[in-house]
Amino acid sequence: MKRETLLCRPNPEVDFLKISEPDIASGPQRDEQTISGSVNLNKKCNFGIGTVKQFLFTKIMNKNTIIGLIIIIVGLLALVMFLKPQSTPDNGASISNPTNSGQIKAEETFFDFGTISMAAGKVSHMFKIKNSGSGITEISKIYTSCMCTSATLVRDNSRKGPFGMPGHGFIPRINESLNLNEEAIIEVVFDPAAHGPAGVGKIERLVTVEVENGSPVELAFSAFVKP
């Protein structure tokens, strides 16, 4: 009769590995059986360990693949955001040469508030514009370069606005027509406290008046802000 001895089980998918040896053996026969059983055991256990290693390697590779895909997706999103057109920053654009060459012209395109105080509150200025073209001209949009600035179209007793910076609110179409030689007012309001303590010092802002079938009018102002 033979006795079965449980030796190892390398993984759940492999049956129990067994070897048989006689109940009673002695001398060279026993030694030969022992050596033969050990060799068979090593082969079977090595096979099981190799299977486990392959299983773990596959799991690790799958994990690394998922991590790699996530990194690629994040990189593509970052690239899209980088290439996306950027709106004008909140601190305003540098004003050099405002345009005033279209059918609608402004009596002045630049105004300096001088030194102003945050504690004193908002300041405003009226820019006068005029249709100097050859016919009726339509104002389509008005917007500003910073959220601290707003602009309103004033005609006789009517007002449209205030309008602010694109990206900080919806900028609707105005569709206001100016007859030949007709005038209107662009009322510009600046809030020096809008940016808090970081808003002190020299500032420059821009207001753009877009017209149909013509060049836009740019109205600029500057100020030196104190607390």
Protein backbone atom coordinates (compact mmCIF):
# COMPACT_ATOMS: atom_id res chain seq x y z
CA MET A 1 0.00 0.00 0.00
CA LYS A 2 1.22 3.48 -0.80
CA ARG A 3 0.91 6.60 1.33
CA GLU A 4 0.16 9.96 -0.35
CA THR A 5 1.87 12.97 1.16
CA LEU A 6 0.63 16.58 0.49
CA LEU A 7 3.64 18.71 -0.50
CA CYS A 8 2.58 22.06 -1.96
CA ARG A 9 -0.13 24.06 -3.71
CA PRO A 10 1.41 27.00 -5.67
CA ASN A 11 -1.84 28.73 -6.70
CA PRO A 12 -5.64 28.28 -6.49
CA GLU A 13 -5.90 27.05 -10.09
CA VAL A 14 -3.43 24.18 -9.63
CA ASP A 15 -4.57 20.93 -8.00
CA PHE A 16 -2.83 19.63 -4.96
CA LEU A 17 0.56 18.22 -5.96
CA LYS A 18 1.24 14.85 -4.51
CA ILE A 19 3.95 12.24 -4.69
CA SER A 20 3.76 8.67 -3.56
CA GLU A 21 6.22 6.64 -1.65
CA PRO A 22 6.07 3.19 -0.19
CA ASP A 23 4.99 2.81 3.39
CA ILE A 24 8.13 0.87 4.19
CA ALA A 25 11.32 1.29 2.28
CA SER A 26 14.88 1.00 3.24
CA GLY A 27 18.31 1.09 1.85
CA PRO A 28 19.08 2.15 -1.70
CA GLN A 29 15.45 1.74 -2.75
CA ARG A 30 14.28 4.27 -0.16
CA ASP A 31 17.05 6.69 -1.06
CA GLU A 32 16.23 6.41 -4.75
CA GLN A 33 12.55 7.04 -4.08
CA THR A 34 13.36 10.01 -1.87
CA ILE A 35 15.59 11.59 -4.53
CA SER A 36 13.02 10.94 -7.26
CA GLY A 37 10.22 12.41 -5.15
CA SER A 38 12.27 15.50 -4.34
CA VAL A 39 13.04 16.11 -8.01
CA ASN A 40 9.38 15.78 -8.97
CA LEU A 41 8.37 18.05 -6.11
CA ASN A 42 10.86 20.75 -7.15
CA LYS A 43 9.65 20.64 -10.73
CA LYS A 44 6.00 20.93 -9.72
CA CYS A 45 6.58 23.67 -7.15
CA ASN A 46 8.77 25.62 -9.59
CA PHE A 47 5.99 25.40 -12.16
CA GLY A 48 3.49 26.76 -9.62
CA ILE A 49 5.74 29.64 -8.56
CA GLY A 50 6.31 30.57 -12.21
CA THR A 51 2.56 30.71 -12.74
CA VAL A 52 2.14 32.99 -9.73
CA LYS A 53 4.94 35.27 -10.98
CA GLN A 54 3.31 35.49 -14.40
CA PHE A 55 -0.05 36.31 -12.80
CA LEU A 56 1.48 39.07 -10.65
CA PHE A 57 3.43 40.46 -13.62
CA THR A 58 0.20 40.65 -15.68
CA LYS A 59 -1.57 42.50 -12.85
CA ILE A 60 1.29 44.99 -12.48
CA MET A 61 1.41 45.60 -16.24
CA ASN A 62 -2.34 46.22 -16.34
CA LYS A 63 -2.00 48.75 -13.50
CA ASN A 64 0.90 50.51 -15.23
CA THR A 65 -1.11 50.65 -18.47
CA ILE A 66 -4.03 52.35 -16.71
CA ILE A 67 -1.70 54.85 -15.02
CA GLY A 68 -0.06 55.58 -18.38
CA LEU A 69 -3.42 56.23 -20.05
CA ILE A 70 -4.42 58.61 -17.23
CA ILE A 71 -1.17 60.55 -17.62
CA ILE A 72 -1.71 60.83 -21.40
CA ILE A 73 -5.31 62.09 -20.94
CA VAL A 74 -4.24 64.67 -18.35
CA GLY A 75 -1.45 65.83 -20.66
CA LEU A 76 -3.86 66.25 -23.58
CA LEU A 77 -6.29 68.26 -21.43
CA ALA A 78 -3.45 70.50 -20.27
CA LEU A 79 -2.38 71.03 -23.88
CA VAL A 80 -5.94 71.98 -24.91
CA MET A 81 -6.20 74.49 -22.05
CA PHE A 82 -2.81 75.95 -22.98
CA LEU A 83 -3.78 76.39 -26.64
CA LYS A 84 -7.23 77.79 -25.79
CA PRO A 85 -7.51 81.54 -26.51
CA GLN A 86 -7.18 83.47 -23.30
CA SER A 87 -9.45 86.35 -22.35
CA THR A 88 -8.01 89.64 -21.19
CA PRO A 89 -6.64 89.31 -17.64
CA ASP A 90 -8.41 90.99 -14.72
CA ASN A 91 -5.61 93.46 -14.14
CA GLY A 92 -6.29 95.07 -17.52
CA ALA A 93 -4.29 95.50 -20.68
CA SER A 94 -1.56 98.00 -21.28
CA ILE A 95 -3.02 100.95 -23.20
CA SER A 96 -0.91 102.51 -25.91
CA ASN A 97 -2.78 103.65 -29.03
CA PRO A 98 -6.58 103.35 -28.81
CA THR A 99 -8.18 103.08 -32.25
CA ASN A 100 -10.51 105.80 -33.52
CA SER A 101 -10.49 105.41 -37.30
CA GLY A 102 -13.95 104.03 -38.09
CA GLN A 103 -17.26 105.62 -38.94
CA ILE A 104 -17.85 106.32 -35.26
CA LYS A 105 -15.27 108.64 -33.73
CA ALA A 106 -14.66 109.85 -30.18
CA GLU A 107 -13.82 113.41 -29.19
CA GLU A 108 -11.21 111.93 -26.84
CA THR A 109 -9.89 108.39 -26.67
CA PHE A 110 -7.88 108.66 -23.44
CA PHE A 111 -8.56 110.08 -19.98
CA ASP A 112 -6.36 110.20 -16.87
CA PHE A 113 -8.16 110.16 -13.50
CA GLY A 114 -4.93 111.09 -11.76
CA THR A 115 -4.53 109.91 -8.17
CA ILE A 116 -7.65 108.30 -6.70
CA SER A 117 -8.40 106.50 -3.44
CA MET A 118 -10.03 103.13 -2.85
CA ALA A 119 -11.73 104.56 0.20
CA ALA A 120 -13.39 107.27 -1.91
CA GLY A 121 -15.22 104.70 -4.03
CA LYS A 122 -15.94 104.52 -7.76
CA VAL A 123 -15.02 107.15 -10.35
CA SER A 124 -16.57 107.78 -13.76
CA HIS A 125 -15.96 109.62 -17.02
CA MET A 126 -18.12 110.43 -20.05
CA PHE A 127 -16.65 109.74 -23.51
CA LYS A 128 -18.57 111.41 -26.34
CA ILE A 129 -18.83 109.52 -29.64
CA LYS A 130 -20.25 110.63 -32.99
CA ASN A 131 -21.27 109.00 -36.27
CA SER A 132 -18.93 110.67 -38.76
CA GLY A 133 -19.52 108.22 -41.59
CA SER A 134 -21.64 108.46 -44.70
CA GLY A 135 -24.83 106.94 -43.35
CA ILE A 136 -26.46 105.13 -40.44
CA THR A 137 -24.06 103.14 -38.27
CA GLU A 138 -25.04 100.42 -35.83
CA ILE A 139 -23.30 99.83 -32.50
CA SER A 140 -23.23 96.07 -31.92
CA LYS A 141 -21.37 95.55 -28.62
CA ILE A 142 -19.59 97.36 -25.78
CA TYR A 143 -17.20 95.61 -23.42
CA THR A 144 -14.28 96.37 -21.10
CA SER A 145 -10.81 94.93 -20.48
CA CYS A 146 -11.33 94.26 -16.77
CA MET A 147 -14.05 93.26 -14.33
CA CYS A 148 -13.36 96.44 -12.32
CA THR A 149 -14.64 98.56 -15.23
CA SER A 150 -18.11 98.93 -16.72
CA ALA A 151 -19.49 100.96 -19.62
CA THR A 152 -22.99 102.22 -20.45
CA LEU A 153 -24.36 103.67 -23.69
CA VAL A 154 -26.31 106.88 -23.01
CA ARG A 155 -28.56 108.43 -25.67
CA ASP A 156 -30.88 111.31 -24.78
CA ASN A 157 -32.90 109.86 -21.90
CA SER A 158 -32.19 106.17 -22.60
CA ARG A 159 -29.41 103.99 -21.21
CA LYS A 160 -28.12 100.57 -22.23
CA GLY A 161 -25.80 98.73 -19.90
CA PRO A 162 -23.71 98.58 -17.89
CA PHE A 163 -21.51 96.17 -19.82
CA GLY A 164 -18.39 94.54 -18.42
CA MET A 165 -15.57 92.19 -19.29
CA PRO A 166 -16.12 89.12 -21.49
CA GLY A 167 -15.80 86.03 -19.35
CA HIS A 168 -17.28 87.75 -16.28
CA GLY A 169 -20.82 87.84 -17.60
CA PHE A 170 -22.82 87.62 -20.79
CA ILE A 171 -22.16 90.49 -23.22
CA PRO A 172 -25.33 90.94 -25.29
CA ARG A 173 -25.65 92.65 -28.63
CA ILE A 174 -26.82 96.26 -28.37
CA ASN A 175 -27.92 96.87 -31.97
CA GLU A 176 -28.24 100.62 -31.46
CA SER A 177 -28.19 102.72 -34.65
CA LEU A 178 -26.65 106.18 -34.84
CA ASN A 179 -27.79 108.45 -37.65
CA LEU A 180 -25.30 110.52 -39.60
CA ASN A 181 -23.69 113.15 -37.30
CA GLU A 182 -25.66 111.82 -34.31
CA GLU A 183 -23.86 111.77 -30.97
CA ALA A 184 -23.98 109.48 -27.90
CA ILE A 185 -22.18 109.06 -24.59
CA ILE A 186 -20.17 106.11 -23.32
CA GLU A 187 -20.23 106.38 -19.53
CA VAL A 188 -17.24 104.54 -18.05
CA VAL A 189 -17.16 103.59 -14.35
CA PHE A 190 -14.05 102.31 -12.59
CA ASP A 191 -14.06 100.66 -9.14
CA PRO A 192 -10.56 101.04 -7.59
CA ALA A 193 -11.43 98.67 -4.74
CA ALA A 194 -12.43 95.76 -7.01
CA HIS A 195 -9.04 94.05 -6.70
CA GLY A 196 -8.51 94.73 -3.01
CA PRO A 197 -5.06 95.63 -1.63
CA ALA A 198 -3.40 94.21 -4.75
CA GLY A 199 -5.05 96.92 -6.85
CA VAL A 200 -2.91 99.84 -5.68
CA GLY A 201 -0.54 101.64 -8.03
CA LYS A 202 -0.76 102.65 -11.68
CA ILE A 203 -3.61 101.07 -13.69
CA GLU A 204 -4.74 101.29 -17.31
CA ARG A 205 -8.06 100.05 -18.71
CA LEU A 206 -9.75 99.85 -22.10
CA VAL A 207 -13.36 100.06 -23.33
CA THR A 208 -14.17 98.73 -26.81
CA VAL A 209 -17.18 99.85 -28.87
CA GLU A 210 -17.85 97.47 -31.76
CA VAL A 211 -19.81 98.60 -34.81
CA GLU A 212 -21.28 96.76 -37.80
CA ASN A 213 -19.23 97.01 -40.99
CA GLY A 214 -16.59 99.25 -39.45
CA SER A 215 -13.59 99.50 -37.18
CA PRO A 216 -14.17 99.42 -33.39
CA VAL A 217 -13.62 102.46 -31.20
CA GLU A 218 -11.27 102.04 -28.23
CA LEU A 219 -11.58 104.32 -25.22
CA ALA A 220 -8.82 104.15 -22.61
CA PHE A 221 -8.18 105.61 -19.17
CA SER A 222 -5.56 105.44 -16.46
CA ALA A 223 -5.29 106.22 -12.76
CA PHE A 224 -2.97 105.92 -9.80
CA VAL A 225 -4.77 104.04 -7.02
CA LYS A 226 -4.08 104.57 -3.32
CA PRO A 227 -5.64 102.67 -0.38
